[in-house]
PDB file of all heavy atoms in Angstrom:
ATOM      1  N   ALA A   1     198.315  36.046 226.865  1.00  0.00           N
ATOM      2  CA  ALA A   1     199.564  35.261 226.710  1.00  0.00           C
ATOM      3  C   ALA A   1     200.274  35.633 225.421  1.00  0.00           C
ATOM      4  O   ALA A   1     201.430  35.827 225.402  1.00  0.00           O
ATOM      5  CB  ALA A   1     199.312  33.821 226.756  1.00  0.00           C
ATOM      6  N   GLU A   2     199.528  35.868 224.306  1.00  0.00           N
ATOM      7  CA  GLU A   2     200.157  36.344 223.092  1.00  0.00           C
ATOM      8  C   GLU A   2     200.758  37.674 223.242  1.00  0.00           C
ATOM      9  O   GLU A   2     201.897  37.871 222.634  1.00  0.00           O
ATOM     10  CB  GLU A   2     199.126  36.304 221.946  1.00  0.00           C
ATOM     11  CG  GLU A   2     199.654  36.740 220.613  1.00  0.00           C
ATOM     12  CD  GLU A   2     198.593  36.621 219.559  1.00  0.00           C
ATOM     13  OE1 GLU A   2     197.408  36.220 219.843  1.00  0.00           O
ATOM     14  OE2 GLU A   2     198.894  36.925 218.355  1.00  0.00           O
ATOM     15  N   ALA A   3     200.089  38.602 223.872  1.00  0.00           N
ATOM     16  CA  ALA A   3     200.709  39.864 224.065  1.00  0.00           C
ATOM     17  C   ALA A   3     201.883  39.842 224.889  1.00  0.00           C
ATOM     18  O   ALA A   3     202.884  40.568 224.671  1.00  0.00           O
ATOM     19  CB  ALA A   3     199.545  40.808 224.730  1.00  0.00           C
ATOM     20  N   GLU A   4     201.883  38.972 225.938  1.00  0.00           N
ATOM     21  CA  GLU A   4     203.110  38.866 226.779  1.00  0.00           C
ATOM     22  C   GLU A   4     204.322  38.385 226.008  1.00  0.00           C
ATOM     23  O   GLU A   4     205.405  38.816 226.130  1.00  0.00           O
ATOM     24  CB  GLU A   4     202.758  37.971 227.870  1.00  0.00           C
ATOM     25  CG  GLU A   4     203.911  37.699 228.898  1.00  0.00           C
ATOM     26  CD  GLU A   4     204.287  38.893 229.677  1.00  0.00           C
ATOM     27  OE1 GLU A   4     203.602  39.925 229.729  1.00  0.00           O
ATOM     28  OE2 GLU A   4     205.474  38.975 230.140  1.00  0.00           O
ATOM     29  N   ARG A   5     204.038  37.351 225.039  1.00  0.00           N
ATOM     30  CA  ARG A   5     205.061  36.796 224.356  1.00  0.00           C
ATOM     31  C   ARG A   5     205.726  37.954 223.343  1.00  0.00           C
ATOM     32  O   ARG A   5     206.880  38.038 223.054  1.00  0.00           O
ATOM     33  CB  ARG A   5     204.666  35.650 223.507  1.00  0.00           C
ATOM     34  CG  ARG A   5     204.414  34.361 224.381  1.00  0.00           C
ATOM     35  CD  ARG A   5     204.244  33.131 223.419  1.00  0.00           C
ATOM     36  NE  ARG A   5     202.881  33.183 222.672  1.00  0.00           N
ATOM     37  CZ  ARG A   5     201.739  32.914 223.065  1.00  0.00           C
ATOM     38  NH1 ARG A   5     201.807  32.191 224.248  1.00  0.00           N
ATOM     39  NH2 ARG A   5     200.733  32.775 222.368  1.00  0.00           N
ATOM     40  N   GLU A   6     204.729  38.780 222.742  1.00  0.00           N
ATOM     41  CA  GLU A   6     205.175  39.728 221.844  1.00  0.00           C
ATOM     42  C   GLU A   6     206.008  40.826 222.704  1.00  0.00           C
ATOM     43  O   GLU A   6     207.070  41.325 222.081  1.00  0.00           O
ATOM     44  CB  GLU A   6     203.949  40.488 221.170  1.00  0.00           C
ATOM     45  CG  GLU A   6     203.270  39.530 220.259  1.00  0.00           C
ATOM     46  CD  GLU A   6     202.085  40.357 219.547  1.00  0.00           C
ATOM     47  OE1 GLU A   6     201.878  41.515 220.037  1.00  0.00           O
ATOM     48  OE2 GLU A   6     201.487  39.711 218.725  1.00  0.00           O
ATOM     49  N   ARG A   7     205.504  41.133 223.837  1.00  0.00           N
ATOM     50  CA  ARG A   7     206.306  42.045 224.738  1.00  0.00           C
ATOM     51  C   ARG A   7     207.781  41.582 224.911  1.00  0.00           C
ATOM     52  O   ARG A   7     208.744  42.359 224.826  1.00  0.00           O
ATOM     53  CB  ARG A   7     205.668  42.346 225.962  1.00  0.00           C
ATOM     54  CG  ARG A   7     206.349  43.365 226.928  1.00  0.00           C
ATOM     55  CD  ARG A   7     205.661  43.385 228.229  1.00  0.00           C
ATOM     56  NE  ARG A   7     205.906  42.226 228.968  1.00  0.00           N
ATOM     57  CZ  ARG A   7     207.027  42.039 229.683  1.00  0.00           C
ATOM     58  NH1 ARG A   7     208.049  42.909 229.689  1.00  0.00           N
ATOM     59  NH2 ARG A   7     207.172  40.938 230.375  1.00  0.00           N
ATOM     60  N   ARG A   8     207.866  40.282 225.325  1.00  0.00           N
ATOM     61  CA  ARG A   8     209.160  39.674 225.641  1.00  0.00           C
ATOM     62  C   ARG A   8     210.077  39.738 224.361  1.00  0.00           C
ATOM     63  O   ARG A   8     211.176  39.898 224.469  1.00  0.00           O
ATOM     64  CB  ARG A   8     208.989  38.312 226.185  1.00  0.00           C
ATOM     65  CG  ARG A   8     208.363  38.224 227.499  1.00  0.00           C
ATOM     66  CD  ARG A   8     208.140  36.776 227.940  1.00  0.00           C
ATOM     67  NE  ARG A   8     207.507  36.753 229.249  1.00  0.00           N
ATOM     68  CZ  ARG A   8     207.190  35.590 229.899  1.00  0.00           C
ATOM     69  NH1 ARG A   8     207.519  34.445 229.256  1.00  0.00           N
ATOM     70  NH2 ARG A   8     206.701  35.591 231.087  1.00  0.00           N
ATOM     71  N   ALA A   9     209.396  39.405 223.151  1.00  0.00           N
ATOM     72  CA  ALA A   9     210.175  39.339 221.858  1.00  0.00           C
ATOM     73  C   ALA A   9     210.753  40.787 221.622  1.00  0.00           C
ATOM     74  O   ALA A   9     211.848  40.933 221.280  1.00  0.00           O
ATOM     75  CB  ALA A   9     209.361  38.850 220.727  1.00  0.00           C
ATOM     76  N   LYS A  10     209.952  41.791 221.847  1.00  0.00           N
ATOM     77  CA  LYS A  10     210.458  43.199 221.533  1.00  0.00           C
ATOM     78  C   LYS A  10     211.473  43.497 222.568  1.00  0.00           C
ATOM     79  O   LYS A  10     212.448  44.165 222.200  1.00  0.00           O
ATOM     80  CB  LYS A  10     209.267  44.136 221.687  1.00  0.00           C
ATOM     81  CG  LYS A  10     208.238  44.023 220.503  1.00  0.00           C
ATOM     82  CD  LYS A  10     207.068  45.000 220.688  1.00  0.00           C
ATOM     83  CE  LYS A  10     206.100  44.787 219.387  1.00  0.00           C
ATOM     84  NZ  LYS A  10     204.991  45.805 219.652  1.00  0.00           N
ATOM     85  N   VAL A  11     211.408  43.126 223.820  1.00  0.00           N
ATOM     86  CA  VAL A  11     212.418  43.380 224.734  1.00  0.00           C
ATOM     87  C   VAL A  11     213.672  42.804 224.420  1.00  0.00           C
ATOM     88  O   VAL A  11     214.863  43.322 224.547  1.00  0.00           O
ATOM     89  CB  VAL A  11     211.938  43.043 226.200  1.00  0.00           C
ATOM     90  CG1 VAL A  11     213.042  43.098 227.206  1.00  0.00           C
ATOM     91  CG2 VAL A  11     210.895  43.897 226.686  1.00  0.00           C
ATOM     92  N   VAL A  12     213.688  41.485 224.007  1.00  0.00           N
ATOM     93  CA  VAL A  12     214.824  40.662 223.554  1.00  0.00           C
ATOM     94  C   VAL A  12     215.503  41.395 222.433  1.00  0.00           C
ATOM     95  O   VAL A  12     216.753  41.607 222.359  1.00  0.00           O
ATOM     96  CB  VAL A  12     214.520  39.320 223.376  1.00  0.00           C
ATOM     97  CG1 VAL A  12     215.692  38.559 222.808  1.00  0.00           C
ATOM     98  CG2 VAL A  12     213.979  38.591 224.697  1.00  0.00           C
ATOM     99  N   HIS A  13     214.646  41.813 221.411  1.00  0.00           N
ATOM    100  CA  HIS A  13     215.154  42.491 220.143  1.00  0.00           C
ATOM    101  C   HIS A  13     215.936  43.729 220.636  1.00  0.00           C
ATOM    102  O   HIS A  13     216.968  44.043 219.994  1.00  0.00           O
ATOM    103  CB  HIS A  13     214.017  42.658 219.245  1.00  0.00           C
ATOM    104  CG  HIS A  13     214.472  43.337 217.953  1.00  0.00           C
ATOM    105  ND1 HIS A  13     215.253  42.715 217.016  1.00  0.00           N
ATOM    106  CD2 HIS A  13     214.231  44.617 217.547  1.00  0.00           C
ATOM    107  CE1 HIS A  13     215.603  43.467 216.071  1.00  0.00           C
ATOM    108  NE2 HIS A  13     214.887  44.800 216.345  1.00  0.00           N
ATOM    109  N   ALA A  14     215.167  44.552 221.465  1.00  0.00           N
ATOM    110  CA  ALA A  14     215.836  45.767 221.806  1.00  0.00           C
ATOM    111  C   ALA A  14     217.067  45.669 222.608  1.00  0.00           C
ATOM    112  O   ALA A  14     218.148  46.415 222.431  1.00  0.00           O
ATOM    113  CB  ALA A  14     214.693  46.697 222.771  1.00  0.00           C
ATOM    114  N   GLU A  15     217.179  44.650 223.520  1.00  0.00           N
ATOM    115  CA  GLU A  15     218.387  44.426 224.139  1.00  0.00           C
ATOM    116  C   GLU A  15     219.495  43.975 223.192  1.00  0.00           C
ATOM    117  O   GLU A  15     220.718  44.376 223.441  1.00  0.00           O
ATOM    118  CB  GLU A  15     218.131  43.245 225.197  1.00  0.00           C
ATOM    119  CG  GLU A  15     217.301  43.723 226.317  1.00  0.00           C
ATOM    120  CD  GLU A  15     217.048  42.669 227.411  1.00  0.00           C
ATOM    121  OE1 GLU A  15     217.325  41.324 226.981  1.00  0.00           O
ATOM    122  OE2 GLU A  15     216.457  42.759 228.443  1.00  0.00           O
ATOM    123  N   GLY A  16     219.109  43.209 222.252  1.00  0.00           N
ATOM    124  CA  GLY A  16     220.089  42.805 221.186  1.00  0.00           C
ATOM    125  C   GLY A  16     220.611  44.023 220.467  1.00  0.00           C
ATOM    126  O   GLY A  16     221.824  44.111 220.080  1.00  0.00           O
ATOM    127  N   GLU A  17     219.771  44.981 220.086  1.00  0.00           N
ATOM    128  CA  GLU A  17     220.224  46.160 219.345  1.00  0.00           C
ATOM    129  C   GLU A  17     221.131  47.031 220.228  1.00  0.00           C
ATOM    130  O   GLU A  17     222.086  47.508 219.756  1.00  0.00           O
ATOM    131  CB  GLU A  17     218.943  47.053 218.934  1.00  0.00           C
ATOM    132  CG  GLU A  17     218.090  46.304 217.833  1.00  0.00           C
ATOM    133  CD  GLU A  17     218.846  46.255 216.451  1.00  0.00           C
ATOM    134  OE1 GLU A  17     219.730  47.217 216.224  1.00  0.00           O
ATOM    135  OE2 GLU A  17     218.389  45.477 215.692  1.00  0.00           O
ATOM    136  N   PHE A  18     220.778  47.055 221.501  1.00  0.00           N
ATOM    137  CA  PHE A  18     221.612  47.831 222.470  1.00  0.00           C
ATOM    138  C   PHE A  18     222.891  47.261 222.508  1.00  0.00           C
ATOM    139  O   PHE A  18     223.895  48.050 222.516  1.00  0.00           O
ATOM    140  CB  PHE A  18     220.858  47.900 223.800  1.00  0.00           C
ATOM    141  CG  PHE A  18     221.610  48.667 224.824  1.00  0.00           C
ATOM    142  CD1 PHE A  18     221.704  50.062 224.889  1.00  0.00           C
ATOM    143  CD2 PHE A  18     222.451  47.991 225.735  1.00  0.00           C
ATOM    144  CE1 PHE A  18     222.437  50.747 225.861  1.00  0.00           C
ATOM    145  CE2 PHE A  18     223.236  48.596 226.683  1.00  0.00           C
ATOM    146  CZ  PHE A  18     223.085  50.016 226.790  1.00  0.00           C
ATOM    147  N   GLU A  19     223.055  45.999 222.712  1.00  0.00           N
ATOM    148  CA  GLU A  19     224.368  45.422 222.777  1.00  0.00           C
ATOM    149  C   GLU A  19     225.125  45.404 221.499  1.00  0.00           C
ATOM    150  O   GLU A  19     226.411  45.657 221.490  1.00  0.00           O
ATOM    151  CB  GLU A  19     224.195  43.890 223.182  1.00  0.00           C
ATOM    152  CG  GLU A  19     223.678  43.600 224.578  1.00  0.00           C
ATOM    153  CD  GLU A  19     223.427  42.145 224.803  1.00  0.00           C
ATOM    154  OE1 GLU A  19     223.750  41.302 223.993  1.00  0.00           O
ATOM    155  OE2 GLU A  19     222.978  41.894 225.958  1.00  0.00           O
ATOM    156  N   SER A  20     224.496  45.371 220.330  1.00  0.00           N
ATOM    157  CA  SER A  20     225.098  45.460 219.122  1.00  0.00           C
ATOM    158  C   SER A  20     225.663  46.877 218.785  1.00  0.00           C
ATOM    159  O   SER A  20     226.762  47.104 218.410  1.00  0.00           O
ATOM    160  CB  SER A  20     224.098  45.185 217.874  1.00  0.00           C
ATOM    161  OG  SER A  20     224.747  45.362 216.717  1.00  0.00           O
ATOM    162  N   ALA A  21     224.878  47.841 219.196  1.00  0.00           N
ATOM    163  CA  ALA A  21     225.280  49.290 219.139  1.00  0.00           C
ATOM    164  C   ALA A  21     226.417  49.551 219.997  1.00  0.00           C
ATOM    165  O   ALA A  21     227.436  50.350 219.666  1.00  0.00           O
ATOM    166  CB  ALA A  21     224.113  50.231 219.522  1.00  0.00           C
ATOM    167  N   ASP A  22     226.429  48.908 221.270  1.00  0.00           N
ATOM    168  CA  ASP A  22     227.507  49.230 222.105  1.00  0.00           C
ATOM    169  C   ASP A  22     228.772  48.638 221.631  1.00  0.00           C
ATOM    170  O   ASP A  22     229.922  49.242 221.574  1.00  0.00           O
ATOM    171  CB  ASP A  22     227.242  48.570 223.372  1.00  0.00           C
ATOM    172  CG  ASP A  22     228.258  48.897 224.559  1.00  0.00           C
ATOM    173  OD1 ASP A  22     228.899  49.991 224.611  1.00  0.00           O
ATOM    174  OD2 ASP A  22     228.516  47.929 225.408  1.00  0.00           O
ATOM    175  N   VAL A  23     228.769  47.301 221.027  1.00  0.00           N
ATOM    176  CA  VAL A  23     229.969  46.682 220.412  1.00  0.00           C
ATOM    177  C   VAL A  23     230.404  47.468 219.280  1.00  0.00           C
ATOM    178  O   VAL A  23     231.679  47.627 218.932  1.00  0.00           O
ATOM    179  CB  VAL A  23     229.658  45.242 220.077  1.00  0.00           C
ATOM    180  CG1 VAL A  23     230.750  44.655 219.259  1.00  0.00           C
ATOM    181  CG2 VAL A  23     229.299  44.486 221.345  1.00  0.00           C
ATOM    182  N   LEU A  24     229.436  48.009 218.340  1.00  0.00           N
ATOM    183  CA  LEU A  24     229.950  48.779 217.209  1.00  0.00           C
ATOM    184  C   LEU A  24     230.571  50.121 217.550  1.00  0.00           C
ATOM    185  O   LEU A  24     231.572  50.485 216.980  1.00  0.00           O
ATOM    186  CB  LEU A  24     228.540  49.088 216.314  1.00  0.00           C
ATOM    187  CG  LEU A  24     228.174  47.829 215.475  1.00  0.00           C
ATOM    188  CD1 LEU A  24     226.859  48.197 214.794  1.00  0.00           C
ATOM    189  CD2 LEU A  24     229.202  47.261 214.562  1.00  0.00           C
ATOM    190  N   SER A  25     229.986  50.628 218.678  1.00  0.00           N
ATOM    191  CA  SER A  25     230.633  51.916 219.132  1.00  0.00           C
ATOM    192  C   SER A  25     232.069  51.734 219.541  1.00  0.00           C
ATOM    193  O   SER A  25     232.903  52.536 219.292  1.00  0.00           O
ATOM    194  CB  SER A  25     229.723  52.499 220.281  1.00  0.00           C
ATOM    195  OG  SER A  25     230.358  53.665 220.828  1.00  0.00           O
ATOM    196  N   ASN A  26     232.292  50.579 220.271  1.00  0.00           N
ATOM    197  CA  ASN A  26     233.610  50.259 220.717  1.00  0.00           C
ATOM    198  C   ASN A  26     234.527  50.094 219.539  1.00  0.00           C
ATOM    199  O   ASN A  26     235.763  50.385 219.537  1.00  0.00           O
ATOM    200  CB  ASN A  26     233.620  49.206 221.723  1.00  0.00           C
ATOM    201  CG  ASN A  26     232.897  49.458 223.046  1.00  0.00           C
ATOM    202  OD1 ASN A  26     232.878  50.557 223.414  1.00  0.00           O
ATOM    203  ND2 ASN A  26     232.332  48.414 223.649  1.00  0.00           N
ATOM    204  N   ALA A  27     233.962  49.190 218.590  1.00  0.00           N
ATOM    205  CA  ALA A  27     234.835  48.977 217.383  1.00  0.00           C
ATOM    206  C   ALA A  27     235.143  50.140 216.626  1.00  0.00           C
ATOM    207  O   ALA A  27     236.364  50.319 216.162  1.00  0.00           O
ATOM    208  CB  ALA A  27     234.033  47.876 216.484  1.00  0.00           C
ATOM    209  N   ALA A  28     234.306  51.119 216.505  1.00  0.00           N
ATOM    210  CA  ALA A  28     234.499  52.358 215.798  1.00  0.00           C
ATOM    211  C   ALA A  28     235.569  53.154 216.479  1.00  0.00           C
ATOM    212  O   ALA A  28     236.485  53.792 215.841  1.00  0.00           O
ATOM    213  CB  ALA A  28     233.253  53.172 215.654  1.00  0.00           C
ATOM    214  N   GLU A  29     235.463  53.250 217.828  1.00  0.00           N
ATOM    215  CA  GLU A  29     236.566  54.028 218.639  1.00  0.00           C
ATOM    216  C   GLU A  29     237.993  53.389 218.349  1.00  0.00           C
ATOM    217  O   GLU A  29     238.875  54.113 218.320  1.00  0.00           O
ATOM    218  CB  GLU A  29     236.118  53.964 220.125  1.00  0.00           C
ATOM    219  CG  GLU A  29     237.044  54.768 220.952  1.00  0.00           C
ATOM    220  CD  GLU A  29     236.576  54.648 222.420  1.00  0.00           C
ATOM    221  OE1 GLU A  29     235.423  54.156 222.644  1.00  0.00           O
ATOM    222  OE2 GLU A  29     237.273  55.211 223.254  1.00  0.00           O
ATOM    223  N   ILE A  30     238.030  51.981 218.342  1.00  0.00           N
ATOM    224  CA  ILE A  30     239.309  51.441 218.102  1.00  0.00           C
ATOM    225  C   ILE A  30     239.725  51.699 216.731  1.00  0.00           C
ATOM    226  O   ILE A  30     240.950  51.993 216.540  1.00  0.00           O
ATOM    227  CB  ILE A  30     239.206  49.992 218.429  1.00  0.00           C
ATOM    228  CG1 ILE A  30     238.806  49.650 219.929  1.00  0.00           C
ATOM    229  CG2 ILE A  30     240.469  49.222 218.118  1.00  0.00           C
ATOM    230  CD1 ILE A  30     238.522  48.169 220.155  1.00  0.00           C
ATOM    231  N   LEU A  31     238.946  51.600 215.813  1.00  0.00           N
ATOM    232  CA  LEU A  31     239.418  51.756 214.431  1.00  0.00           C
ATOM    233  C   LEU A  31     239.764  53.292 214.079  1.00  0.00           C
ATOM    234  O   LEU A  31     240.565  53.452 213.356  1.00  0.00           O
ATOM    235  CB  LEU A  31     238.190  51.347 213.358  1.00  0.00           C
ATOM    236  CG  LEU A  31     237.932  49.843 213.360  1.00  0.00           C
ATOM    237  CD1 LEU A  31     236.635  49.755 212.440  1.00  0.00           C
ATOM    238  CD2 LEU A  31     239.059  49.097 212.718  1.00  0.00           C
ATOM    239  N   SER A  32     239.140  54.168 214.810  1.00  0.00           N
ATOM    240  CA  SER A  32     239.476  55.551 214.619  1.00  0.00           C
ATOM    241  C   SER A  32     240.792  55.952 215.090  1.00  0.00           C
ATOM    242  O   SER A  32     241.333  56.990 214.682  1.00  0.00           O
ATOM    243  CB  SER A  32     238.373  56.581 215.356  1.00  0.00           C
ATOM    244  OG  SER A  32     238.479  56.225 216.707  1.00  0.00           O
ATOM    245  N   ARG A  33     241.410  55.087 215.973  1.00  0.00           N
ATOM    246  CA  ARG A  33     242.736  55.459 216.478  1.00  0.00           C
ATOM    247  C   ARG A  33     243.828  55.252 215.446  1.00  0.00           C
ATOM    248  O   ARG A  33     244.813  55.790 215.435  1.00  0.00           O
ATOM    249  CB  ARG A  33     243.008  54.580 217.596  1.00  0.00           C
ATOM    250  CG  ARG A  33     242.160  54.800 218.879  1.00  0.00           C
ATOM    251  CD  ARG A  33     242.293  53.795 219.941  1.00  0.00           C
ATOM    252  NE  ARG A  33     241.351  53.967 221.027  1.00  0.00           N
ATOM    253  CZ  ARG A  33     241.204  53.063 222.083  1.00  0.00           C
ATOM    254  NH1 ARG A  33     241.985  51.978 222.070  1.00  0.00           N
ATOM    255  NH2 ARG A  33     240.319  53.254 222.948  1.00  0.00           N
ATOM    256  N   THR A  34     243.558  54.346 214.411  1.00  0.00           N
ATOM    257  CA  THR A  34     244.503  53.956 213.306  1.00  0.00           C
ATOM    258  C   THR A  34     243.797  54.126 211.999  1.00  0.00           C
ATOM    259  O   THR A  34     242.997  53.333 211.669  1.00  0.00           O
ATOM    260  CB  THR A  34     245.026  52.586 213.544  1.00  0.00           C
ATOM    261  OG1 THR A  34     245.457  52.390 214.811  1.00  0.00           O
ATOM    262  CG2 THR A  34     246.123  52.313 212.619  1.00  0.00           C
ATOM    263  N   PRO A  35     244.240  55.126 211.205  1.00  0.00           N
ATOM    264  CA  PRO A  35     243.540  55.305 209.871  1.00  0.00           C
ATOM    265  C   PRO A  35     243.757  54.123 208.944  1.00  0.00           C
ATOM    266  O   PRO A  35     242.859  53.807 208.171  1.00  0.00           O
ATOM    267  CB  PRO A  35     244.248  56.478 209.368  1.00  0.00           C
ATOM    268  CG  PRO A  35     244.706  57.356 210.534  1.00  0.00           C
ATOM    269  CD  PRO A  35     245.064  56.225 211.602  1.00  0.00           C
ATOM    270  N   THR A  36     244.883  53.435 209.135  1.00  0.00           N
ATOM    271  CA  THR A  36     245.132  52.286 208.252  1.00  0.00           C
ATOM    272  C   THR A  36     244.249  51.182 208.461  1.00  0.00           C
ATOM    273  O   THR A  36     243.753  50.431 207.648  1.00  0.00           O
ATOM    274  CB  THR A  36     246.576  51.805 208.380  1.00  0.00           C
ATOM    275  OG1 THR A  36     247.537  52.889 208.281  1.00  0.00           O
ATOM    276  CG2 THR A  36     246.967  50.672 207.551  1.00  0.00           C
ATOM    277  N   ALA A  37     243.699  50.996 209.765  1.00  0.00           N
ATOM    278  CA  ALA A  37     242.811  50.006 210.167  1.00  0.00           C
ATOM    279  C   ALA A  37     241.414  50.241 209.334  1.00  0.00           C
ATOM    280  O   ALA A  37     240.827  49.323 208.923  1.00  0.00           O
ATOM    281  CB  ALA A  37     242.651  49.884 211.641  1.00  0.00           C
TER     282      ALA A  37
END
């Protein structure tokens, strides 16, 4: 049960990192269109 909980925690953390990277990538793409931004 402890190993299963750790596995789920790592999966949730990885999913959060993936979503964060996706959002940052979109933000960087938007900012790159306007140097002033």
